[in-house]
């Protein structure tokens, strides 16, 4: 617990040097050659409701943690999930179980609406305090009231949500992992005012 609090203090301190209205932009691609598809989406943060989670997520983005990870779970028009560092490898057997080596305290205040971004976590039987995985996140593509009060919602997709709808409908294996690798080619932080101007997100 002490380590979590120390980590949180460091992350909150680092958040002070962030932009006034930061958003995280993710560029993703799948397919090969002429069939290659490129899309982007942007996440804005609920910093007042989930300060530790937002600071951690922004730091991981700035550190390049998410580059070459994949969208590793898709449920058509319902949910997509990413952020597992194990997805950088070709072996899919353990994808969905990885993280940065720490968890985050629960900050469960927001509801799961279309576009909500929440942290993944282990179930209550092994995680009764509902601590979040340090890096894995999912995006709701429709309201999911069954998850309200269960997971930390820390942001929302403010641009590129149709791209995630499209990704959610890609063919997937029996573990809901897209059969074609949907890889994050770049993730970075900008000020929200740059969306639609210097940065195009679709």
N, C-alpha and C. Protein backbone atom coordinates (compact mmCIF):
# COMPACT_ATOMS: atom_id res chain seq x y z
N UNK A 1 0.83 -1.21 0.00
CA UNK A 1 0.00 0.00 0.00
C UNK A 1 0.86 1.26 0.00
N UNK A 2 1.94 1.23 0.78
CA UNK A 2 2.84 2.38 0.85
C UNK A 2 3.43 2.67 -0.52
N UNK A 3 3.82 1.61 -1.27
CA UNK A 3 4.38 1.81 -2.60
C UNK A 3 3.39 2.46 -3.53
N UNK A 4 2.11 2.06 -3.42
CA UNK A 4 1.08 2.65 -4.27
C UNK A 4 0.94 4.14 -3.98
N UNK A 5 0.95 4.50 -2.69
CA UNK A 5 0.80 5.90 -2.33
C UNK A 5 1.99 6.73 -2.80
N UNK A 6 3.18 6.18 -2.68
CA UNK A 6 4.38 6.89 -3.16
C UNK A 6 4.29 7.10 -4.66
N UNK A 7 3.93 6.02 -5.38
CA UNK A 7 3.79 6.11 -6.83
C UNK A 7 2.75 7.16 -7.20
N UNK A 8 1.64 7.18 -6.48
CA UNK A 8 0.58 8.13 -6.77
C UNK A 8 1.06 9.57 -6.59
N UNK A 9 1.84 9.79 -5.52
CA UNK A 9 2.35 11.13 -5.26
C UNK A 9 3.27 11.59 -6.38
N UNK A 10 4.10 10.69 -6.86
CA UNK A 10 5.01 11.02 -7.97
C UNK A 10 4.23 11.35 -9.22
N UNK A 11 3.22 10.53 -9.52
CA UNK A 11 2.42 10.72 -10.72
C UNK A 11 1.64 12.02 -10.66
N UNK A 12 1.08 12.32 -9.50
CA UNK A 12 0.32 13.56 -9.37
C UNK A 12 1.23 14.77 -9.52
N UNK A 13 2.45 14.66 -9.01
CA UNK A 13 3.40 15.76 -9.16
C UNK A 13 3.75 15.97 -10.61
N UNK A 14 3.93 14.85 -11.35
CA UNK A 14 4.29 14.96 -12.76
C UNK A 14 3.15 15.53 -13.58
N UNK A 15 1.89 15.33 -13.10
CA UNK A 15 0.74 15.84 -13.85
C UNK A 15 0.75 17.36 -13.91
N UNK A 16 1.45 18.01 -12.97
CA UNK A 16 1.49 19.45 -12.95
C UNK A 16 2.18 20.07 -14.15
N UNK A 17 3.00 19.30 -14.87
CA UNK A 17 3.69 19.84 -16.03
C UNK A 17 2.96 19.49 -17.32
N UNK A 18 1.78 18.88 -17.23
CA UNK A 18 1.02 18.51 -18.41
C UNK A 18 0.31 19.72 -18.98
N UNK A 19 -0.21 19.57 -20.18
CA UNK A 19 -0.94 20.63 -20.84
C UNK A 19 -2.23 20.93 -20.09
N UNK A 20 -2.79 22.12 -20.36
CA UNK A 20 -3.97 22.56 -19.63
C UNK A 20 -5.16 21.64 -19.87
N UNK A 21 -5.33 21.17 -21.10
CA UNK A 21 -6.46 20.29 -21.42
C UNK A 21 -5.91 19.13 -22.26
N UNK A 22 -5.20 18.19 -21.63
CA UNK A 22 -4.51 17.16 -22.40
C UNK A 22 -5.45 16.09 -22.94
N UNK A 23 -5.11 15.58 -24.09
CA UNK A 23 -5.75 14.38 -24.63
C UNK A 23 -4.65 13.45 -25.12
N UNK A 24 -4.93 12.16 -25.05
CA UNK A 24 -4.00 11.15 -25.56
C UNK A 24 -4.49 10.69 -26.92
N UNK A 25 -3.63 10.77 -27.91
CA UNK A 25 -3.97 10.33 -29.26
C UNK A 25 -3.28 8.99 -29.53
N UNK A 26 -4.04 8.03 -30.01
CA UNK A 26 -3.52 6.71 -30.38
C UNK A 26 -3.68 6.52 -31.89
N UNK A 27 -2.57 6.26 -32.57
CA UNK A 27 -2.60 5.87 -33.98
C UNK A 27 -2.48 4.36 -34.04
N UNK A 28 -3.37 3.71 -34.78
CA UNK A 28 -3.36 2.25 -34.90
C UNK A 28 -3.43 1.85 -36.36
N UNK A 29 -2.96 0.63 -36.64
CA UNK A 29 -3.06 0.11 -38.00
C UNK A 29 -3.23 -1.39 -37.98
N UNK A 30 -3.80 -1.91 -39.07
CA UNK A 30 -3.92 -3.36 -39.26
C UNK A 30 -3.92 -3.65 -40.76
N UNK A 31 -3.68 -4.90 -41.10
CA UNK A 31 -3.61 -5.29 -42.50
C UNK A 31 -2.22 -5.07 -43.08
N UNK A 32 -2.03 -5.50 -44.33
CA UNK A 32 -0.73 -5.40 -44.98
C UNK A 32 -0.88 -4.85 -46.39
N UNK A 33 0.21 -4.24 -46.87
CA UNK A 33 0.24 -3.77 -48.25
C UNK A 33 -0.89 -2.81 -48.56
N UNK A 34 -1.55 -3.04 -49.70
CA UNK A 34 -2.65 -2.18 -50.12
C UNK A 34 -3.86 -2.30 -49.21
N UNK A 35 -3.91 -3.36 -48.42
CA UNK A 35 -5.03 -3.57 -47.51
C UNK A 35 -4.81 -2.94 -46.14
N UNK A 36 -3.66 -2.29 -45.97
CA UNK A 36 -3.36 -1.71 -44.66
C UNK A 36 -4.33 -0.57 -44.34
N UNK A 37 -4.84 -0.60 -43.13
CA UNK A 37 -5.77 0.42 -42.66
C UNK A 37 -5.13 1.18 -41.50
N UNK A 38 -5.31 2.50 -41.50
CA UNK A 38 -4.77 3.34 -40.42
C UNK A 38 -5.90 4.18 -39.85
N UNK A 39 -6.00 4.19 -38.53
CA UNK A 39 -7.01 4.97 -37.85
C UNK A 39 -6.40 5.62 -36.61
N UNK A 40 -7.11 6.59 -36.06
CA UNK A 40 -6.68 7.26 -34.83
C UNK A 40 -7.88 7.55 -33.95
N UNK A 41 -7.63 7.62 -32.65
CA UNK A 41 -8.66 8.05 -31.71
C UNK A 41 -8.00 8.84 -30.58
N UNK A 42 -8.79 9.67 -29.92
CA UNK A 42 -8.26 10.54 -28.88
C UNK A 42 -9.07 10.40 -27.60
N UNK A 43 -8.36 10.38 -26.47
CA UNK A 43 -8.97 10.21 -25.15
C UNK A 43 -8.75 11.47 -24.32
N UNK A 44 -9.83 12.06 -23.82
CA UNK A 44 -9.75 13.15 -22.84
C UNK A 44 -9.93 12.57 -21.44
N UNK A 45 -9.51 13.31 -20.43
CA UNK A 45 -9.38 12.75 -19.08
C UNK A 45 -10.34 13.39 -18.07
N UNK A 46 -10.83 12.57 -17.16
CA UNK A 46 -11.61 13.03 -16.01
C UNK A 46 -10.66 13.18 -14.82
N UNK A 47 -9.83 14.19 -14.87
CA UNK A 47 -8.77 14.33 -13.87
C UNK A 47 -9.31 14.61 -12.47
N UNK A 48 -10.45 15.28 -12.37
CA UNK A 48 -11.01 15.57 -11.05
C UNK A 48 -11.56 14.31 -10.39
N UNK A 49 -12.04 13.37 -11.18
CA UNK A 49 -12.65 12.16 -10.64
C UNK A 49 -11.68 11.00 -10.48
N UNK A 50 -10.63 10.97 -11.30
CA UNK A 50 -9.68 9.86 -11.26
C UNK A 50 -8.26 10.39 -11.44
N UNK A 51 -7.78 11.21 -10.51
CA UNK A 51 -6.48 11.88 -10.71
C UNK A 51 -5.30 10.93 -10.80
N UNK A 52 -5.27 9.90 -9.96
CA UNK A 52 -4.13 8.98 -9.99
C UNK A 52 -4.12 8.18 -11.30
N UNK A 53 -5.29 7.73 -11.71
CA UNK A 53 -5.38 6.93 -12.93
C UNK A 53 -5.01 7.77 -14.14
N UNK A 54 -5.50 9.00 -14.20
CA UNK A 54 -5.19 9.88 -15.33
C UNK A 54 -3.70 10.20 -15.41
N UNK A 55 -3.10 10.51 -14.25
CA UNK A 55 -1.68 10.82 -14.24
C UNK A 55 -0.85 9.62 -14.69
N UNK A 56 -1.22 8.43 -14.24
CA UNK A 56 -0.50 7.23 -14.63
C UNK A 56 -0.62 6.98 -16.13
N UNK A 57 -1.84 7.10 -16.65
CA UNK A 57 -2.07 6.84 -18.07
C UNK A 57 -1.27 7.82 -18.93
N UNK A 58 -1.30 9.09 -18.57
CA UNK A 58 -0.56 10.09 -19.33
C UNK A 58 0.95 9.81 -19.29
N UNK A 59 1.44 9.41 -18.14
CA UNK A 59 2.86 9.10 -18.03
C UNK A 59 3.24 7.92 -18.91
N UNK A 60 2.42 6.88 -18.92
CA UNK A 60 2.70 5.73 -19.78
C UNK A 60 2.71 6.13 -21.25
N UNK A 61 1.76 6.97 -21.64
CA UNK A 61 1.74 7.45 -23.03
C UNK A 61 3.02 8.21 -23.35
N UNK A 62 3.40 9.13 -22.48
CA UNK A 62 4.59 9.95 -22.71
C UNK A 62 5.87 9.11 -22.72
N UNK A 63 5.88 8.02 -21.96
CA UNK A 63 7.06 7.15 -21.90
C UNK A 63 7.13 6.17 -23.07
N UNK A 64 6.12 6.15 -23.94
CA UNK A 64 6.12 5.23 -25.07
C UNK A 64 5.70 3.81 -24.72
N UNK A 65 5.08 3.64 -23.55
CA UNK A 65 4.71 2.31 -23.09
C UNK A 65 3.76 1.61 -24.05
N UNK A 66 2.83 2.35 -24.65
CA UNK A 66 1.78 1.73 -25.45
C UNK A 66 2.19 1.44 -26.90
N UNK A 67 3.31 1.97 -27.33
CA UNK A 67 3.74 1.73 -28.71
C UNK A 67 3.99 0.24 -28.94
N UNK A 68 3.40 -0.27 -30.01
CA UNK A 68 3.49 -1.67 -30.44
C UNK A 68 2.63 -2.62 -29.61
N UNK A 69 1.85 -2.08 -28.65
CA UNK A 69 0.82 -2.92 -28.05
C UNK A 69 -0.33 -3.03 -29.04
N UNK A 70 -1.31 -3.86 -28.74
CA UNK A 70 -2.42 -4.05 -29.67
C UNK A 70 -3.77 -3.85 -28.99
N UNK A 71 -4.77 -3.68 -29.82
CA UNK A 71 -6.14 -3.86 -29.36
C UNK A 71 -6.36 -5.37 -29.34
N UNK A 72 -6.43 -5.95 -28.14
CA UNK A 72 -6.37 -7.41 -28.03
C UNK A 72 -7.71 -8.07 -27.71
N UNK A 73 -8.75 -7.27 -27.50
CA UNK A 73 -10.09 -7.83 -27.31
C UNK A 73 -11.10 -6.95 -28.03
N UNK A 74 -11.98 -7.59 -28.79
CA UNK A 74 -13.01 -6.84 -29.51
C UNK A 74 -14.35 -7.57 -29.38
N UNK A 75 -15.38 -6.80 -29.08
CA UNK A 75 -16.75 -7.31 -29.05
C UNK A 75 -17.58 -6.36 -29.91
N UNK A 76 -18.14 -6.84 -30.99
CA UNK A 76 -18.75 -5.96 -31.99
C UNK A 76 -19.75 -4.96 -31.41
N UNK A 77 -19.46 -3.68 -31.69
CA UNK A 77 -20.33 -2.57 -31.29
C UNK A 77 -20.59 -2.52 -29.78
N UNK A 78 -19.68 -3.13 -29.01
CA UNK A 78 -19.86 -3.21 -27.56
C UNK A 78 -18.64 -2.70 -26.80
N UNK A 79 -17.45 -3.22 -27.13
CA UNK A 79 -16.27 -2.91 -26.32
C UNK A 79 -15.00 -3.28 -27.08
N UNK A 80 -13.94 -2.50 -26.89
CA UNK A 80 -12.60 -2.87 -27.33
C UNK A 80 -11.65 -2.67 -26.16
N UNK A 81 -10.59 -3.48 -26.09
CA UNK A 81 -9.64 -3.41 -24.98
C UNK A 81 -8.22 -3.45 -25.51
N UNK A 82 -7.32 -2.71 -24.85
CA UNK A 82 -5.90 -2.70 -25.21
C UNK A 82 -5.04 -2.40 -24.01
N UNK A 83 -3.75 -2.15 -24.27
CA UNK A 83 -2.85 -1.72 -23.22
C UNK A 83 -2.02 -2.79 -22.55
N UNK A 84 -2.05 -4.02 -23.06
CA UNK A 84 -1.27 -5.11 -22.46
C UNK A 84 0.11 -5.16 -23.10
N UNK A 85 1.20 -4.97 -22.33
CA UNK A 85 2.53 -5.02 -22.91
C UNK A 85 2.88 -6.39 -23.49
N UNK A 86 2.22 -7.46 -23.01
CA UNK A 86 2.48 -8.79 -23.56
C UNK A 86 2.00 -8.91 -25.00
N UNK A 87 1.12 -8.02 -25.43
CA UNK A 87 0.62 -8.07 -26.80
C UNK A 87 1.66 -7.60 -27.82
N UNK A 88 2.80 -7.09 -27.35
CA UNK A 88 3.87 -6.71 -28.26
C UNK A 88 4.53 -7.94 -28.89
N UNK A 89 4.36 -9.09 -28.23
CA UNK A 89 4.97 -10.33 -28.71
C UNK A 89 4.03 -11.08 -29.64
N UNK A 90 4.56 -11.99 -30.43
CA UNK A 90 3.75 -12.78 -31.34
C UNK A 90 2.92 -13.83 -30.61
N UNK A 91 3.43 -14.32 -29.49
CA UNK A 91 2.73 -15.32 -28.70
C UNK A 91 1.48 -14.71 -28.05
N UNK A 92 0.31 -15.22 -28.41
CA UNK A 92 -0.93 -14.67 -27.89
C UNK A 92 -1.43 -15.37 -26.63
N UNK A 93 -0.75 -16.40 -26.19
CA UNK A 93 -1.29 -17.27 -25.14
C UNK A 93 -1.52 -16.53 -23.81
N UNK A 94 -0.69 -15.53 -23.51
CA UNK A 94 -0.82 -14.82 -22.22
C UNK A 94 -1.37 -13.41 -22.37
N UNK A 95 -1.76 -13.03 -23.58
CA UNK A 95 -2.26 -11.68 -23.79
C UNK A 95 -3.53 -11.47 -23.00
N UNK A 96 -3.59 -10.34 -22.31
CA UNK A 96 -4.71 -10.04 -21.43
C UNK A 96 -4.35 -10.16 -19.97
N UNK A 97 -3.14 -10.65 -19.68
CA UNK A 97 -2.71 -10.84 -18.29
C UNK A 97 -1.58 -9.90 -17.89
N UNK A 98 -1.08 -9.10 -18.81
CA UNK A 98 0.10 -8.29 -18.53
C UNK A 98 -0.22 -6.90 -18.02
N UNK A 99 0.82 -6.22 -17.53
CA UNK A 99 0.71 -4.86 -17.02
C UNK A 99 2.09 -4.30 -16.76
N UNK A 100 2.18 -3.11 -16.18
CA UNK A 100 3.47 -2.48 -15.93
C UNK A 100 4.16 -2.96 -14.66
N UNK A 101 3.52 -3.86 -13.91
CA UNK A 101 4.14 -4.36 -12.69
C UNK A 101 3.59 -3.77 -11.42
N UNK A 102 2.51 -3.00 -11.53
CA UNK A 102 1.88 -2.43 -10.35
C UNK A 102 0.39 -2.26 -10.64
N UNK A 103 -0.39 -2.03 -9.60
CA UNK A 103 -1.81 -1.72 -9.74
C UNK A 103 -2.08 -0.31 -9.23
N UNK A 104 -3.29 0.16 -9.47
CA UNK A 104 -3.68 1.50 -9.05
C UNK A 104 -4.91 1.41 -8.15
N UNK A 105 -5.01 2.29 -7.14
CA UNK A 105 -6.19 2.28 -6.28
C UNK A 105 -7.44 2.63 -7.07
N UNK A 106 -8.55 2.04 -6.66
CA UNK A 106 -9.82 2.30 -7.34
C UNK A 106 -10.22 3.77 -7.20
N UNK A 107 -10.73 4.33 -8.30
CA UNK A 107 -11.30 5.68 -8.31
C UNK A 107 -12.64 5.58 -9.06
N UNK A 108 -13.55 4.87 -8.47
CA UNK A 108 -14.80 4.49 -9.14
C UNK A 108 -15.87 5.54 -8.86
N UNK A 109 -16.08 6.44 -9.84
CA UNK A 109 -17.04 7.53 -9.67
C UNK A 109 -17.92 7.74 -10.90
N UNK A 110 -17.41 7.41 -12.08
CA UNK A 110 -18.13 7.70 -13.32
C UNK A 110 -18.87 6.47 -13.86
N UNK A 111 -19.89 6.72 -14.66
CA UNK A 111 -20.65 5.65 -15.29
C UNK A 111 -20.05 5.25 -16.63
N UNK A 112 -20.42 4.07 -17.07
CA UNK A 112 -19.95 3.53 -18.34
C UNK A 112 -20.94 3.90 -19.45
N UNK A 113 -20.62 4.97 -20.17
CA UNK A 113 -21.45 5.43 -21.28
C UNK A 113 -20.74 5.12 -22.60
N UNK A 114 -21.41 5.34 -23.71
CA UNK A 114 -20.74 5.18 -24.99
C UNK A 114 -19.55 6.14 -25.04
N UNK A 115 -18.38 5.62 -25.35
CA UNK A 115 -17.16 6.42 -25.41
C UNK A 115 -16.37 6.46 -24.12
N UNK A 116 -16.93 5.95 -23.02
CA UNK A 116 -16.20 5.95 -21.74
C UNK A 116 -14.96 5.05 -21.84
N UNK A 117 -13.89 5.49 -21.19
CA UNK A 117 -12.65 4.72 -21.14
C UNK A 117 -12.40 4.32 -19.69
N UNK A 118 -12.24 3.02 -19.46
CA UNK A 118 -12.08 2.51 -18.09
C UNK A 118 -10.87 1.58 -18.02
N UNK A 119 -10.39 1.39 -16.81
CA UNK A 119 -9.27 0.48 -16.59
C UNK A 119 -9.76 -0.94 -16.38
N UNK A 120 -9.02 -1.90 -16.93
CA UNK A 120 -9.28 -3.29 -16.65
C UNK A 120 -8.77 -3.65 -15.26
N UNK A 121 -9.24 -4.77 -14.75
CA UNK A 121 -8.78 -5.22 -13.43
C UNK A 121 -9.09 -6.69 -13.24
N UNK A 122 -8.47 -7.28 -12.21
CA UNK A 122 -8.78 -8.65 -11.82
C UNK A 122 -10.13 -8.68 -11.10
N UNK A 123 -10.82 -9.83 -11.11
CA UNK A 123 -12.15 -9.91 -10.49
C UNK A 123 -12.11 -9.80 -8.97
N UNK A 124 -13.30 -9.57 -8.39
CA UNK A 124 -13.42 -9.31 -6.95
C UNK A 124 -12.87 -10.43 -6.08
N UNK A 125 -12.97 -11.68 -6.53
CA UNK A 125 -12.56 -12.79 -5.67
C UNK A 125 -11.06 -12.77 -5.36
N UNK A 126 -10.27 -12.15 -6.24
CA UNK A 126 -8.83 -12.00 -5.99
C UNK A 126 -8.43 -10.54 -5.83
N UNK A 127 -9.40 -9.64 -5.99
CA UNK A 127 -9.11 -8.21 -5.96
C UNK A 127 -10.29 -7.47 -5.31
N UNK A 128 -10.53 -7.73 -4.02
CA UNK A 128 -11.72 -7.19 -3.36
C UNK A 128 -11.75 -5.67 -3.28
N UNK A 129 -10.59 -5.01 -3.34
CA UNK A 129 -10.57 -3.54 -3.29
C UNK A 129 -10.70 -2.93 -4.68
N UNK A 130 -10.81 -3.77 -5.71
CA UNK A 130 -11.05 -3.33 -7.09
C UNK A 130 -9.96 -2.41 -7.63
N UNK A 131 -8.71 -2.75 -7.26
CA UNK A 131 -7.59 -2.00 -7.82
C UNK A 131 -7.49 -2.25 -9.32
N UNK A 132 -7.10 -1.21 -10.05
CA UNK A 132 -7.00 -1.29 -11.50
C UNK A 132 -5.67 -1.86 -11.95
N UNK A 133 -5.70 -2.57 -13.08
CA UNK A 133 -4.46 -2.92 -13.76
C UNK A 133 -3.74 -1.62 -14.10
N UNK A 134 -2.44 -1.62 -14.08
CA UNK A 134 -1.69 -0.39 -14.30
C UNK A 134 -1.71 0.16 -15.70
N UNK A 135 -2.11 -0.65 -16.70
CA UNK A 135 -2.04 -0.16 -18.08
C UNK A 135 -3.21 -0.56 -18.97
N UNK A 136 -3.84 -1.69 -18.71
CA UNK A 136 -4.90 -2.15 -19.61
C UNK A 136 -6.16 -1.30 -19.45
N UNK A 137 -6.76 -0.96 -20.57
CA UNK A 137 -7.95 -0.12 -20.58
C UNK A 137 -8.94 -0.63 -21.61
N UNK A 138 -10.19 -0.25 -21.45
CA UNK A 138 -11.19 -0.61 -22.45
C UNK A 138 -12.07 0.59 -22.74
N UNK A 139 -12.66 0.57 -23.94
CA UNK A 139 -13.56 1.64 -24.39
C UNK A 139 -14.95 1.07 -24.59
N UNK A 140 -15.93 1.69 -23.99
CA UNK A 140 -17.33 1.26 -24.16
C UNK A 140 -17.87 1.82 -25.48
N UNK A 141 -18.43 0.97 -26.29
CA UNK A 141 -19.01 1.40 -27.56
C UNK A 141 -20.53 1.52 -27.46
N UNK A 142 -21.05 1.26 -26.29
CA UNK A 142 -22.44 1.50 -25.94
C UNK A 142 -22.48 1.61 -24.42
N UNK A 143 -23.55 2.14 -23.85
CA UNK A 143 -23.63 2.16 -22.39
C UNK A 143 -23.57 0.74 -21.82
N UNK A 144 -22.77 0.57 -20.74
CA UNK A 144 -22.65 -0.74 -20.09
C UNK A 144 -22.95 -0.55 -18.61
N UNK A 145 -24.22 -0.40 -18.24
CA UNK A 145 -24.56 -0.11 -16.84
C UNK A 145 -24.17 -1.22 -15.88
N UNK A 146 -23.99 -2.45 -16.38
CA UNK A 146 -23.59 -3.55 -15.50
C UNK A 146 -22.21 -3.33 -14.91
N UNK A 147 -21.39 -2.46 -15.54
CA UNK A 147 -20.05 -2.18 -15.03
C UNK A 147 -19.99 -0.95 -14.14
N UNK A 148 -21.09 -0.22 -14.05
CA UNK A 148 -21.09 0.95 -13.17
C UNK A 148 -20.83 0.51 -11.73
N UNK A 149 -19.92 1.20 -11.07
CA UNK A 149 -19.56 0.84 -9.70
C UNK A 149 -18.56 -0.30 -9.61
N UNK A 150 -18.10 -0.80 -10.74
CA UNK A 150 -17.18 -1.93 -10.77
C UNK A 150 -15.75 -1.52 -11.12
N UNK A 151 -15.60 -0.67 -12.13
CA UNK A 151 -14.28 -0.30 -12.65
C UNK A 151 -14.10 1.21 -12.64
N UNK A 152 -12.84 1.64 -12.68
CA UNK A 152 -12.50 3.06 -12.72
C UNK A 152 -12.64 3.59 -14.15
N UNK A 153 -13.60 4.47 -14.35
CA UNK A 153 -13.72 5.21 -15.61
C UNK A 153 -12.91 6.49 -15.47
N UNK A 154 -11.94 6.69 -16.35
CA UNK A 154 -11.03 7.82 -16.18
C UNK A 154 -11.03 8.79 -17.36
N UNK A 155 -11.79 8.49 -18.40
CA UNK A 155 -11.79 9.38 -19.55
C UNK A 155 -12.87 9.02 -20.55
N UNK A 156 -12.83 9.72 -21.68
CA UNK A 156 -13.78 9.45 -22.75
C UNK A 156 -13.12 9.70 -24.09
N UNK A 157 -13.57 8.95 -25.09
CA UNK A 157 -13.08 9.16 -26.45
C UNK A 157 -13.78 10.39 -27.01
N UNK A 158 -13.00 11.40 -27.37
CA UNK A 158 -13.56 12.66 -27.87
C UNK A 158 -13.39 12.80 -29.37
N UNK A 159 -12.67 11.89 -29.99
CA UNK A 159 -12.53 11.87 -31.45
C UNK A 159 -12.11 10.47 -31.86
N UNK A 160 -12.64 10.02 -33.00
CA UNK A 160 -12.25 8.71 -33.52
C UNK A 160 -13.07 7.55 -33.04
N UNK A 161 -14.20 7.80 -32.40
CA UNK A 161 -15.01 6.69 -31.90
C UNK A 161 -15.52 5.78 -33.03
N UNK A 162 -15.88 6.31 -34.21
CA UNK A 162 -16.26 5.42 -35.31
C UNK A 162 -15.14 4.45 -35.72
N UNK A 163 -13.89 4.87 -35.56
CA UNK A 163 -12.77 3.97 -35.86
C UNK A 163 -12.77 2.78 -34.91
N UNK A 164 -13.09 3.03 -33.65
CA UNK A 164 -13.15 1.93 -32.68
C UNK A 164 -14.36 1.04 -32.93
N UNK A 165 -15.47 1.63 -33.39
CA UNK A 165 -16.61 0.81 -33.82
C UNK A 165 -16.17 -0.15 -34.92
N UNK A 166 -15.43 0.39 -35.88
CA UNK A 166 -14.95 -0.43 -37.01
C UNK A 166 -14.03 -1.55 -36.52
N UNK A 167 -13.10 -1.21 -35.65
CA UNK A 167 -12.17 -2.20 -35.12
C UNK A 167 -12.92 -3.29 -34.36
N UNK A 168 -13.95 -2.90 -33.64
CA UNK A 168 -14.71 -3.89 -32.84
C UNK A 168 -15.35 -4.97 -33.70
N UNK A 169 -15.57 -4.67 -34.98
CA UNK A 169 -16.23 -5.62 -35.87
C UNK A 169 -15.27 -6.46 -36.69
N UNK A 170 -13.96 -6.31 -36.45
CA UNK A 170 -12.99 -7.12 -37.17
C UNK A 170 -13.11 -8.59 -36.77
N UNK A 171 -12.80 -9.52 -37.67
CA UNK A 171 -12.82 -10.95 -37.32
C UNK A 171 -11.89 -11.22 -36.13
N UNK A 172 -12.33 -12.09 -35.22
CA UNK A 172 -11.55 -12.37 -34.01
C UNK A 172 -11.52 -13.87 -33.75
N UNK A 173 -10.52 -14.30 -32.93
CA UNK A 173 -10.41 -15.71 -32.57
C UNK A 173 -11.33 -16.01 -31.39
N UNK A 174 -11.20 -17.20 -30.83
CA UNK A 174 -12.09 -17.61 -29.74
C UNK A 174 -11.84 -16.84 -28.44
N UNK A 175 -10.72 -16.12 -28.35
CA UNK A 175 -10.44 -15.28 -27.20
C UNK A 175 -10.79 -13.82 -27.45
N UNK A 176 -11.53 -13.56 -28.53
CA UNK A 176 -11.95 -12.21 -28.92
C UNK A 176 -10.77 -11.33 -29.33
N UNK A 177 -9.63 -11.95 -29.66
CA UNK A 177 -8.45 -11.23 -30.14
C UNK A 177 -8.54 -11.13 -31.66
N UNK A 178 -8.48 -9.92 -32.23
CA UNK A 178 -8.57 -9.80 -33.68
C UNK A 178 -7.56 -10.71 -34.39
N UNK A 179 -8.03 -11.41 -35.42
CA UNK A 179 -7.13 -12.32 -36.14
C UNK A 179 -6.03 -11.56 -36.85
N UNK A 180 -6.31 -10.34 -37.29
CA UNK A 180 -5.27 -9.46 -37.81
C UNK A 180 -4.80 -8.54 -36.69
N UNK A 181 -3.51 -8.39 -36.56
CA UNK A 181 -2.93 -7.59 -35.49
C UNK A 181 -3.32 -6.12 -35.65
N UNK A 182 -3.97 -5.55 -34.63
CA UNK A 182 -4.33 -4.13 -34.62
C UNK A 182 -3.35 -3.43 -33.68
N UNK A 183 -2.32 -2.86 -34.26
CA UNK A 183 -1.17 -2.38 -33.48
C UNK A 183 -1.17 -0.87 -33.31
N UNK A 184 -0.80 -0.44 -32.10
CA UNK A 184 -0.59 0.97 -31.82
C UNK A 184 0.77 1.38 -32.40
N UNK A 185 0.75 2.24 -33.40
CA UNK A 185 2.01 2.68 -34.01
C UNK A 185 2.58 3.92 -33.31
N UNK A 186 1.70 4.65 -32.66
CA UNK A 186 2.15 5.84 -31.94
C UNK A 186 1.08 6.24 -30.94
N UNK A 187 1.51 6.72 -29.76
CA UNK A 187 0.60 7.29 -28.78
C UNK A 187 1.29 8.52 -28.19
N UNK A 188 0.56 9.62 -28.09
CA UNK A 188 1.19 10.86 -27.66
C UNK A 188 0.14 11.78 -27.04
N UNK A 189 0.63 12.77 -26.28
CA UNK A 189 -0.24 13.73 -25.59
C UNK A 189 -0.18 15.07 -26.31
N UNK A 190 -1.37 15.65 -26.55
CA UNK A 190 -1.45 17.00 -27.10
C UNK A 190 -2.50 17.78 -26.32
N UNK A 191 -2.59 19.08 -26.57
CA UNK A 191 -3.67 19.86 -26.01
C UNK A 191 -4.92 19.64 -26.86
N UNK A 192 -6.06 19.59 -26.21
CA UNK A 192 -7.30 19.29 -26.92
C UNK A 192 -7.59 20.28 -28.05
N UNK A 193 -7.10 21.50 -27.92
CA UNK A 193 -7.33 22.52 -28.95
C UNK A 193 -6.70 22.14 -30.29
N UNK A 194 -5.74 21.22 -30.27
CA UNK A 194 -5.07 20.80 -31.50
C UNK A 194 -5.88 19.80 -32.31
N UNK A 195 -6.87 19.17 -31.70
CA UNK A 195 -7.68 18.20 -32.43
C UNK A 195 -8.47 18.91 -33.52
N UNK A 196 -8.44 18.33 -34.72
CA UNK A 196 -9.16 18.92 -35.84
C UNK A 196 -8.42 20.03 -36.53
N UNK A 197 -7.28 20.43 -35.97
CA UNK A 197 -6.48 21.49 -36.58
C UNK A 197 -5.14 20.91 -37.03
N UNK A 198 -4.22 20.81 -36.10
CA UNK A 198 -2.92 20.24 -36.45
C UNK A 198 -2.93 18.72 -36.44
N UNK A 199 -3.92 18.13 -35.73
CA UNK A 199 -4.01 16.67 -35.66
C UNK A 199 -5.39 16.25 -36.14
N UNK A 200 -5.43 15.38 -37.14
CA UNK A 200 -6.70 14.86 -37.64
C UNK A 200 -6.92 13.47 -37.05
N UNK A 201 -8.05 13.29 -36.44
CA UNK A 201 -8.37 12.01 -35.82
C UNK A 201 -9.65 11.49 -36.45
N UNK A 202 -9.60 10.20 -36.83
CA UNK A 202 -10.80 9.59 -37.44
C UNK A 202 -10.97 8.19 -36.93
